[in-house]
Protein backbone atom coordinates (compact mmCIF):
# COMPACT_ATOMS: atom_id res chain seq x y z
CA MET A 1 -55.44 90.69 12.66
CA SER A 2 -56.51 87.48 10.89
CA TRP A 3 -54.04 85.43 12.97
CA GLU A 4 -54.05 84.51 16.63
CA THR A 5 -51.27 83.27 18.85
CA VAL A 6 -51.68 80.01 20.74
CA CYS A 7 -49.16 79.44 23.50
CA GLY A 8 -48.57 77.03 26.36
CA LEU A 9 -45.83 77.21 28.98
CA GLU A 10 -43.66 74.55 30.56
CA VAL A 11 -42.36 75.95 33.85
CA HIS A 12 -39.58 74.22 35.77
CA VAL A 13 -39.60 75.12 39.47
CA GLN A 14 -36.49 74.27 41.46
CA LEU A 15 -37.54 73.01 44.88
CA SER A 16 -35.84 74.52 47.93
CA THR A 17 -34.74 71.24 49.46
CA ARG A 18 -31.43 70.97 51.30
CA THR A 19 -30.27 68.02 49.19
CA LYS A 20 -30.76 66.81 45.64
CA ALA A 21 -33.58 64.66 44.30
CA PHE A 22 -31.85 61.27 44.46
CA CYS A 23 -28.68 61.75 46.51
CA ALA A 24 -27.34 63.54 49.59
CA CYS A 25 -25.39 66.26 47.72
CA GLU A 26 -26.22 69.82 48.76
CA ALA A 27 -28.57 71.62 46.37
CA VAL A 28 -26.99 75.08 46.59
CA PHE A 29 -26.55 77.90 44.09
CA GLY A 30 -23.17 79.53 43.51
CA ALA A 31 -20.86 76.78 44.82
CA PRO A 32 -17.52 76.29 42.99
CA PRO A 33 -18.07 74.31 39.76
CA ASN A 34 -18.36 70.53 40.18
CA SER A 35 -17.95 70.72 43.97
CA ARG A 36 -21.41 69.36 44.84
CA VAL A 37 -21.42 66.05 42.98
CA CYS A 38 -21.27 62.35 43.85
CA PRO A 39 -21.44 58.98 42.03
CA VAL A 40 -25.28 59.10 42.06
CA CYS A 41 -25.79 62.48 40.38
CA LEU A 42 -22.83 61.81 38.07
CA GLY A 43 -24.40 58.50 37.01
CA LEU A 44 -21.33 56.38 37.79
CA PRO A 45 -21.73 52.60 37.45
CA GLY A 46 -23.30 50.91 40.44
CA ALA A 47 -24.70 54.08 42.02
CA LEU A 48 -28.38 53.87 42.96
CA PRO A 49 -30.86 56.76 43.40
CA VAL A 50 -32.90 57.27 46.60
CA LEU A 51 -35.91 59.57 46.34
CA ASN A 52 -35.86 62.80 48.38
CA ASP A 53 -38.88 62.62 50.69
CA ARG A 54 -39.13 66.41 51.16
CA ALA A 55 -39.19 66.95 47.38
CA VAL A 56 -42.24 64.69 47.15
CA ASP A 57 -44.02 66.64 49.90
CA ASP A 58 -43.22 69.97 48.21
CA ALA A 59 -44.51 68.69 44.87
CA LEU A 60 -47.71 67.47 46.54
CA LEU A 61 -48.14 70.86 48.24
CA ALA A 62 -47.92 72.62 44.88
CA ALA A 63 -50.42 70.18 43.38
CA MET A 64 -52.88 70.79 46.23
CA ALA A 65 -52.50 74.57 46.02
CA LEU A 66 -53.17 74.48 42.27
CA GLN A 67 -56.18 72.15 42.74
CA CYS A 68 -54.74 69.27 40.75
CA ASP A 69 -55.88 65.65 40.80
CA ILE A 70 -53.16 63.76 42.67
CA ALA A 71 -52.24 60.27 41.53
CA ARG A 72 -52.03 57.77 44.38
CA VAL A 73 -49.43 55.88 42.31
CA SER A 74 -47.00 57.55 39.91
CA ILE A 75 -44.03 56.18 38.00
CA PHE A 76 -40.54 57.55 37.41
CA ALA A 77 -39.11 57.10 33.94
CA ARG A 78 -35.84 57.55 32.11
CA LYS A 79 -35.91 60.28 29.50
CA ASN A 80 -33.04 59.42 27.18
CA TYR A 81 -31.07 62.06 25.33
CA PHE A 82 -27.44 62.98 24.91
CA TYR A 83 -26.12 66.38 25.90
CA PRO A 84 -22.79 67.39 27.47
CA ASP A 85 -24.36 68.50 30.77
CA LEU A 86 -26.32 65.26 31.24
CA PRO A 87 -23.66 62.75 32.41
CA LYS A 88 -26.01 59.74 32.75
CA GLY A 89 -27.30 60.11 29.19
CA TYR A 90 -30.82 60.20 30.61
CA GLN A 91 -32.90 62.32 32.98
CA ILE A 92 -35.06 60.78 35.70
CA SER A 93 -38.51 62.27 35.15
CA GLN A 94 -42.14 61.18 34.99
CA TYR A 95 -43.94 60.49 31.74
CA ASP A 96 -47.22 58.64 31.28
CA ARG A 97 -48.09 58.41 35.00
CA PRO A 98 -47.24 61.80 36.55
CA LEU A 99 -47.75 62.84 40.15
CA ALA A 100 -50.65 65.21 39.36
CA SER A 101 -52.91 66.21 36.48
CA GLY A 102 -55.37 69.00 35.81
CA GLY A 103 -55.49 72.03 38.06
CA ARG A 104 -55.53 75.77 37.36
CA VAL A 105 -53.61 78.97 38.02
CA PRO A 106 -55.46 82.26 38.65
CA ILE A 107 -54.23 85.31 36.73
CA ASP A 108 -55.08 89.00 36.56
CA VAL A 109 -54.68 90.77 33.22
CA GLY A 110 -55.63 94.43 33.38
CA GLY A 111 -58.04 93.84 36.24
CA GLU A 112 -59.75 90.91 34.51
CA LEU A 113 -59.53 87.71 36.57
CA ARG A 114 -59.41 84.31 34.88
CA GLU A 115 -57.91 80.87 35.36
CA ILE A 116 -55.38 79.05 33.20
CA PRO A 117 -55.93 75.28 33.05
CA LEU A 118 -53.00 72.95 33.70
CA VAL A 119 -52.20 69.65 32.02
CA ARG A 120 -49.92 68.12 34.63
CA ILE A 121 -47.33 68.54 37.37
CA HIS A 122 -44.53 66.01 37.61
CA LEU A 123 -41.29 65.49 39.51
CA GLU A 124 -37.92 65.27 37.81
CA GLU A 125 -34.25 66.01 38.26
CA ASP A 126 -32.34 68.89 36.70
CA ALA A 127 -29.43 68.61 34.28
CA GLY A 128 -26.08 70.38 34.67
CA LYS A 129 -25.13 73.72 33.19
CA SER A 130 -23.07 74.51 30.10
CA LEU A 131 -20.85 77.58 30.42
CA HIS A 132 -20.05 79.05 27.02
CA GLY A 133 -17.07 81.39 26.80
CA GLU A 134 -17.01 82.32 30.47
CA GLY A 135 -14.00 83.01 32.68
CA GLU A 136 -10.50 82.53 31.29
CA THR A 137 -11.59 80.87 28.06
CA GLN A 138 -13.22 84.03 26.65
CA GLY A 139 -15.25 82.14 24.06
CA ALA A 140 -12.62 79.60 23.11
CA GLU A 141 -14.20 76.74 25.07
CA SER A 142 -17.42 75.56 26.63
CA ARG A 143 -17.21 74.12 30.11
CA ILE A 144 -19.62 71.99 32.12
CA ASP A 145 -20.68 72.57 35.74
CA LEU A 146 -22.49 69.49 37.07
CA ASN A 147 -23.45 70.96 40.46
CA ARG A 148 -27.04 71.38 39.29
CA CYS A 149 -27.34 67.74 38.17
CA GLY A 150 -29.98 66.00 40.22
CA THR A 151 -31.51 69.14 41.73
CA PRO A 152 -35.22 68.40 42.34
CA LEU A 153 -37.70 70.11 40.02
CA ILE A 154 -41.40 70.14 39.45
CA GLU A 155 -42.46 70.76 35.88
CA ILE A 156 -45.80 72.58 35.62
CA VAL A 157 -47.30 72.26 32.15
CA SER A 158 -50.12 74.58 31.13
CA ALA A 159 -52.72 73.97 28.47
CA PRO A 160 -52.23 75.99 25.25
CA ALA A 161 -54.49 78.65 26.74
CA PHE A 162 -52.57 81.90 26.14
CA ARG A 163 -53.61 84.15 23.27
CA HIS A 164 -51.51 87.16 24.25
CA ALA A 165 -47.99 87.47 25.63
CA GLU A 166 -49.29 89.59 28.53
CA GLU A 167 -51.38 86.61 29.70
CA ALA A 168 -48.25 84.46 29.82
CA GLY A 169 -46.49 87.14 31.86
CA ALA A 170 -49.39 87.37 34.32
CA TYR A 171 -49.39 83.56 34.64
CA LEU A 172 -45.69 83.48 35.49
CA GLU A 173 -46.12 86.29 38.02
CA SER A 174 -48.96 84.38 39.68
CA LEU A 175 -47.14 81.04 39.64
CA ARG A 176 -43.95 82.53 41.05
CA SER A 177 -45.90 84.23 43.83
CA ILE A 178 -47.67 80.97 44.70
CA VAL A 179 -44.49 78.86 44.99
CA GLN A 180 -42.88 81.62 47.07
CA TYR A 181 -45.92 81.76 49.38
CA LEU A 182 -45.80 77.99 49.81
CA GLY A 183 -42.10 78.19 50.66
CA ILE A 184 -41.18 75.46 48.16
CA SER A 185 -39.00 77.66 45.93
CA ASP A 186 -37.53 81.15 45.93
CA GLY A 187 -38.77 81.54 42.32
CA ASP A 188 -35.63 83.51 41.37
CA MET A 189 -35.49 83.43 37.56
CA SER A 190 -32.06 85.07 37.47
CA GLN A 191 -30.59 82.08 39.36
CA GLY A 192 -32.60 79.51 37.42
CA SER A 193 -34.92 78.59 40.29
CA LEU A 194 -37.83 79.16 37.93
CA ARG A 195 -37.28 78.52 34.22
CA CYS A 196 -39.76 78.65 31.42
CA ASP A 197 -40.04 77.19 27.91
CA ALA A 198 -42.73 78.65 25.65
CA ASN A 199 -44.54 76.48 23.10
CA VAL A 200 -45.73 78.89 20.42
CA SER A 201 -47.95 78.42 17.38
CA VAL A 202 -50.31 80.58 15.32
CA ARG A 203 -53.55 79.90 13.48
CA ARG A 204 -56.23 81.79 11.61
CA VAL A 205 -58.78 83.50 13.81
CA GLY A 206 -61.76 81.17 14.16
CA ALA A 207 -59.75 78.01 13.44
CA THR A 208 -59.94 75.21 16.00
CA GLU A 209 -56.98 73.08 14.92
CA LEU A 210 -53.64 73.98 16.48
CA GLY A 211 -50.81 75.09 14.25
CA THR A 212 -47.30 73.60 14.25
CA LYS A 213 -45.56 74.64 17.43
CA THR A 214 -42.02 75.65 18.21
CA GLU A 215 -40.43 75.61 21.65
CA VAL A 216 -38.51 78.72 22.72
CA LYS A 217 -35.88 78.19 25.42
CA ASN A 218 -33.33 80.34 27.29
CA LEU A 219 -35.97 82.59 28.88
CA ASN A 220 -34.90 83.85 32.31
CA SER A 221 -37.23 86.77 32.99
CA ILE A 222 -40.93 87.41 32.63
CA LYS A 223 -40.37 90.33 30.26
CA MET A 224 -38.16 88.08 28.16
CA VAL A 225 -40.89 85.44 27.95
CA GLU A 226 -43.43 88.03 26.79
CA LYS A 227 -41.05 89.46 24.17
CA ALA A 228 -40.03 86.03 22.87
CA ILE A 229 -43.66 84.97 22.39
CA GLN A 230 -44.40 88.16 20.45
CA VAL A 231 -41.31 87.82 18.25
CA GLU A 232 -41.81 84.11 17.53
CA ALA A 233 -45.51 84.53 16.71
CA ARG A 234 -44.65 87.35 14.32
CA ARG A 235 -41.95 85.22 12.68
CA GLN A 236 -44.38 82.34 12.13
CA ILE A 237 -47.06 84.62 10.67
CA GLU A 238 -44.58 86.10 8.20
CA ILE A 239 -43.55 82.60 7.05
CA LEU A 240 -47.15 81.44 6.62
CA GLU A 241 -48.19 84.57 4.75
CA ARG A 242 -45.35 83.96 2.29
CA GLY A 243 -46.76 80.48 1.68
CA GLY A 244 -44.13 78.68 3.77
CA ALA A 245 -44.54 76.05 6.46
CA ILE A 246 -43.53 76.09 10.12
CA GLU A 247 -40.93 73.50 11.08
CA GLN A 248 -41.36 71.94 14.51
CA ALA A 249 -38.14 72.96 16.23
CA THR A 250 -36.50 74.01 19.49
CA LEU A 251 -35.34 77.61 19.39
CA LEU A 252 -33.00 79.66 21.56
CA TRP A 253 -33.89 83.23 22.49
CA ASP A 254 -31.20 85.85 21.86
CA ASP A 255 -32.12 88.67 24.23
CA ARG A 256 -29.49 91.07 22.92
CA ARG A 257 -30.78 90.88 19.35
CA GLU A 258 -34.38 90.11 20.36
CA GLU A 259 -34.60 87.20 17.96
CA VAL A 260 -34.87 83.41 18.00
CA ARG A 261 -32.17 81.08 16.70
CA PRO A 262 -32.66 77.43 15.76
CA MET A 263 -31.19 74.95 18.23
CA ARG A 264 -32.42 71.58 16.93
CA LEU A 265 -35.47 69.94 15.41
CA LYS A 266 -38.15 69.50 18.05
CA GLU A 267 -38.33 65.97 19.44
CA ASP A 268 -41.51 64.01 19.91
CA ALA A 269 -42.04 61.90 23.02
CA HIS A 270 -41.00 58.67 21.27
CA ASP A 271 -37.63 60.23 20.42
CA TYR A 272 -36.75 60.18 24.11
CA ARG A 273 -37.35 56.39 24.38
CA TYR A 274 -39.07 56.72 27.75
CA PHE A 275 -39.15 53.59 29.89
CA PRO A 276 -39.81 53.05 33.63
CA GLU A 277 -36.81 53.79 35.86
CA PRO A 278 -35.69 50.32 37.00
CA ASP A 279 -33.91 51.59 40.14
CA LEU A 280 -36.93 53.36 41.66
CA MET A 281 -40.12 51.83 42.96
CA PRO A 282 -43.48 53.39 42.01
CA LEU A 283 -44.26 56.45 44.15
CA VAL A 284 -47.26 55.59 46.36
CA VAL A 285 -49.04 58.48 48.09
CA ASP A 286 -51.21 57.41 51.02
CA GLU A 287 -53.84 59.34 52.95
CA ALA A 288 -51.56 59.95 55.93
CA ARG A 289 -49.06 61.71 53.70
CA LEU A 290 -51.76 63.81 52.04
CA ASP A 291 -53.07 64.87 55.47
CA ARG A 292 -49.57 65.84 56.58
CA VAL A 293 -48.94 67.93 53.48
CA ARG A 294 -52.42 69.47 53.61
CA GLY A 295 -51.50 70.90 56.98
CA ARG A 296 -48.91 73.11 55.24
CA LEU A 297 -51.47 74.80 53.00
CA LEU A 298 -52.01 78.49 53.65
CA GLU A 299 -53.93 81.42 52.24
CA LEU A 300 -52.64 82.01 48.70
CA PRO A 301 -52.05 85.39 46.99
CA PHE A 302 -55.35 85.80 45.12
CA ALA A 303 -57.45 84.75 48.13
CA ARG A 304 -55.45 87.04 50.39
CA ARG A 305 -55.83 89.92 47.95
CA ALA A 306 -59.62 89.52 47.91
CA ARG A 307 -59.67 89.44 51.72
CA PHE A 308 -57.51 92.57 51.99
CA VAL A 309 -59.93 94.48 49.73
CA GLN A 310 -62.89 93.43 51.87
CA GLU A 311 -61.37 93.50 55.34
CA TYR A 312 -59.23 96.63 55.05
CA ASP A 313 -61.30 98.53 52.46
CA ILE A 314 -58.34 99.18 50.14
CA PRO A 315 -58.31 99.31 46.30
CA PRO A 316 -57.71 96.03 44.41
CA TYR A 317 -54.51 97.46 42.88
CA ASP A 318 -53.06 98.21 46.32
CA ALA A 319 -54.08 94.78 47.58
CA GLY A 320 -52.35 93.22 44.56
CA VAL A 321 -49.08 95.02 45.32
CA LEU A 322 -49.26 94.20 49.03
CA THR A 323 -49.84 90.49 48.41
CA ALA A 324 -47.21 90.11 45.68
CA SER A 325 -44.91 88.53 48.28
CA ARG A 326 -45.81 86.67 51.44
CA GLU A 327 -43.31 88.70 53.50
CA LEU A 328 -44.78 92.04 52.40
CA ALA A 329 -48.34 90.84 52.97
CA ASP A 330 -47.45 89.61 56.48
CA TRP A 331 -45.67 92.89 57.26
CA PHE A 332 -48.58 95.04 56.09
CA GLU A 333 -51.13 92.96 57.95
CA GLU A 334 -49.17 93.24 61.20
CA VAL A 335 -49.17 97.04 60.82
CA ALA A 336 -52.88 97.09 59.97
CA ARG A 337 -53.89 94.99 62.96
CA ALA A 338 -51.62 96.76 65.46
CA SER A 339 -52.70 100.24 64.30
CA GLY A 340 -56.39 99.45 63.87
CA ASP A 341 -56.37 101.36 60.56
CA GLY A 342 -56.02 99.23 57.43
CA LYS A 343 -56.27 102.16 55.02
CA ALA A 344 -53.51 104.12 56.75
CA ALA A 345 -51.35 100.99 56.95
CA SER A 346 -51.84 100.44 53.22
CA ASN A 347 -51.10 104.06 52.33
CA TRP A 348 -47.90 104.15 54.39
CA THR A 349 -46.70 100.72 53.21
CA MET A 350 -47.44 101.52 49.55
CA GLY A 351 -45.94 104.99 49.89
CA GLU A 352 -43.17 105.63 52.40
CA VAL A 353 -42.13 102.03 53.11
CA LEU A 354 -41.85 100.86 49.48
CA ARG A 355 -40.17 104.15 48.55
CA VAL A 356 -37.44 103.55 51.12
CA LEU A 357 -37.03 99.94 49.98
CA LYS A 358 -36.67 101.08 46.38
CA GLU A 359 -34.04 103.65 47.33
CA ARG A 360 -32.05 101.42 49.66
CA GLY A 361 -32.63 98.00 48.18
CA GLY A 362 -33.15 94.89 50.28
CA SER A 363 -36.36 93.18 51.30
CA ILE A 364 -39.13 94.00 53.74
CA ARG A 365 -37.59 91.47 56.16
CA ASP A 366 -34.68 93.89 56.64
CA PHE A 367 -36.76 97.07 56.99
CA PRO A 368 -35.36 99.10 59.91
CA ILE A 369 -38.76 100.00 61.38
CA ALA A 370 -40.67 97.09 62.90
CA PRO A 371 -44.39 96.81 62.00
CA VAL A 372 -45.47 97.48 65.59
CA ARG A 373 -43.43 100.70 65.65
CA LEU A 374 -44.95 101.98 62.42
CA ALA A 375 -48.36 101.07 63.84
CA ALA A 376 -47.59 103.21 66.91
CA LEU A 377 -46.82 106.17 64.62
CA LEU A 378 -50.12 105.68 62.74
CA ARG A 379 -52.02 105.61 66.03
CA LEU A 380 -50.54 109.00 66.97
CA VAL A 381 -51.95 110.43 63.72
CA ARG A 382 -55.34 108.76 64.16
CA GLU A 383 -55.66 109.99 67.73
CA GLY A 384 -54.88 113.55 66.65
CA LYS A 385 -51.64 113.78 68.62
CA ILE A 386 -49.55 114.66 65.55
CA THR A 387 -50.37 115.80 62.01
CA GLY A 388 -49.78 113.82 58.86
CA SER A 389 -46.90 116.09 57.81
CA ALA A 390 -45.29 115.79 61.25
CA ALA A 391 -45.66 112.01 60.98
CA LYS A 392 -43.45 112.00 57.89
CA SER A 393 -40.78 113.90 59.79
CA VAL A 394 -41.05 111.43 62.67
CA PHE A 395 -40.82 108.53 60.19
CA ALA A 396 -37.59 109.92 58.75
CA THR A 397 -36.11 110.24 62.25
CA MET A 398 -37.20 106.68 63.09
CA LEU A 399 -35.32 105.46 60.02
CA SER A 400 -32.11 107.22 60.99
CA THR A 401 -32.12 106.70 64.76
CA GLY A 402 -34.31 103.68 65.44
CA ASP A 403 -36.12 105.60 68.16
CA ALA A 404 -39.81 105.07 68.92
CA ALA A 405 -42.33 107.53 67.48
CA GLU A 406 -43.58 108.69 70.89
CA ALA A 407 -40.06 109.52 72.08
CA ILE A 408 -39.30 111.52 68.92
CA VAL A 409 -42.55 113.51 69.16
CA GLU A 410 -41.84 114.42 72.78
CA ARG A 411 -38.17 115.22 72.23
CA GLU A 412 -38.72 117.42 69.18
CA GLY A 413 -41.95 119.05 70.34
CA LEU A 414 -43.99 117.80 67.39
CA ALA A 415 -47.29 117.33 69.20
CA GLN A 416 -50.21 118.68 67.17
CA ILE A 417 -51.46 122.18 67.99
CA SER A 418 -55.23 122.17 68.37
CA ASP A 419 -55.52 125.05 70.79
CA GLN A 420 -57.66 127.71 69.04
CA SER A 421 -55.96 130.77 70.48
CA SER A 422 -52.51 129.53 69.48
CA LEU A 423 -53.69 128.78 65.94
CA GLU A 424 -55.46 132.15 65.67
CA ARG A 425 -52.12 133.92 66.28
CA ILE A 426 -50.42 131.83 63.59
CA VAL A 427 -53.22 132.43 61.06
CA ASP A 428 -53.26 136.17 61.75
CA ASP A 429 -49.49 136.37 61.23
CA VAL A 430 -49.77 134.53 57.90
CA ILE A 431 -52.52 136.89 56.69
CA ARG A 432 -50.47 139.98 57.61
CA GLU A 433 -47.30 138.63 55.97
CA ASN A 434 -49.06 137.61 52.71
CA ALA A 435 -51.23 140.65 51.99
CA SER A 436 -51.03 140.41 48.20
CA GLN A 437 -52.08 136.72 48.16
CA VAL A 438 -54.92 137.54 50.56
CA GLU A 439 -56.20 140.24 48.18
CA THR A 440 -55.91 137.81 45.27
CA TYR A 441 -58.04 135.30 47.17
CA ARG A 442 -60.64 137.91 48.08
CA SER A 443 -60.85 139.00 44.45
CA GLY A 444 -62.24 135.57 43.61
CA LYS A 445 -59.16 133.40 42.94
CA SER A 446 -59.86 130.73 45.53
CA GLN A 447 -56.94 128.52 44.44
CA VAL A 448 -54.64 130.80 46.47
CA PHE A 449 -56.16 129.29 49.61
CA GLY A 450 -53.89 126.26 49.28
CA TYR A 451 -50.82 128.47 49.29
CA LEU A 452 -51.97 130.34 52.41
CA MET A 453 -52.79 127.09 54.17
CA GLY A 454 -49.31 125.87 53.32
CA GLN A 455 -47.86 128.93 54.98
CA VAL A 456 -49.89 128.21 58.11
CA MET A 457 -48.50 124.66 58.25
CA LYS A 458 -44.99 125.97 57.63
CA ALA A 459 -45.28 128.57 60.40
CA SER A 460 -46.50 125.89 62.81
CA ARG A 461 -43.69 123.48 61.73
CA GLY A 462 -46.39 121.12 60.49
CA LYS A 463 -48.03 120.89 63.91
CA ALA A 464 -51.24 122.81 63.25
CA ASN A 465 -54.41 120.74 63.40
CA PRO A 466 -55.46 120.87 59.71
CA GLN A 467 -59.20 120.93 60.39
CA VAL A 468 -59.01 123.73 63.00
CA ALA A 469 -56.47 125.75 61.01
CA THR A 470 -58.54 125.48 57.81
CA ARG A 471 -61.66 126.69 59.58
CA LEU A 472 -59.86 129.65 61.19
CA LEU A 473 -58.18 130.68 57.93
CA GLU A 474 -61.50 130.58 56.07
CA GLU A 475 -63.16 132.69 58.77
CA ARG A 476 -60.38 135.29 58.71
CA LEU A 477 -60.37 135.56 54.93
CA LYS A 478 -64.17 135.93 54.77
CA SER A 479 -64.28 138.48 57.57
CA GLY A 480 -62.18 140.95 55.61
CA ASN A 481 -59.45 141.43 58.21
CA PRO A 482 -57.83 139.57 61.09
CA ALA A 483 -59.42 139.68 64.52
């Protein structure tokens, strides 16, 4: 307990542009190896880069959403290092004059809201991908797929503001949700659209000076990031408590063994021999461009969550689930507005809709019941035309047939029974057929009432008006015998 973890994250977000950052090659995932390359992204002599205009707009949109200070002039640089999947021998990135600086990302950890400060956001291109022991080679060779070379990225660098792994996880969840809302990236960590490196150090509680950091790579899920931070912090503490020293290094995460392995000594900035990219002019951002990009800004997850709590009177947890993706939030809100009942829309979306999605897979975009049709079902319940239990039966039929709720209710005779005389007959039958439970209730064990009420609903095929049926059952039980 005398040590604390200090962590910062470098998150690489792959932008969802049609083409690469500096050439016209398609930026697609899953294409045959080395089928989406050209002289520019391969770095062949004489090939010149041309900056992707859409990538700049997407980077600016992210910077605006995260409340960064945007540089009117930024510079591209060559980051020099040698690795098999980097054919040019350098990466086009930004160094001392990035596109944006400052900013913050809102997070929620256990219901506590806070903001994580950012250091910078800059544009850069991706490297290729090394394939170790895949396919026919079965471990005998490593192969290189250069399709990813030149794919446009933004690197979002946080301050060393995380003290617990759970905070880092919440930050990644929030950041992924934001880029998905903005439509600039699908944020799919399994496909590498969002990749994270964790800079981890430890220090004595109360100390102000940062400890020696290590960088943990190869993290492709949020849970993996959290686990790697915990494991690496524990490793550093054990070394320091034995009197050792932490070596600044780049580490690879082994998820199967849940351990870090050394990759190389950690470079400092001067090791990369940064210098301005001679084939690209400075990036100048004028007011007209900022106005155009600003028009793409929309309500972001945390703001939308707060509005859902206030406007639809739903719990913060439910609002958090419903705003986790833009598609789900849009779907819920369409149901809420069409039905006129935000609470019911939330309950059904959180319950029946997400249950079906979990069972069947797929996304809310492919859900077989349109929002307006679910809203029509909720209106039938609110207007007292069907009961809640009948609504679930109608919902199941809507899933299987695609029919409208009103048509199903009429066809299957599911309209709610509110007529008192009809309900009196049902209640009297239930009392006669459950004499022992009735006596148990009258002897003082009131919990039996729920069972008897269940029998009333069963006898009415779920159509009995719950309020009327409850009142009649209570009257009959208190009177001593049926009328």
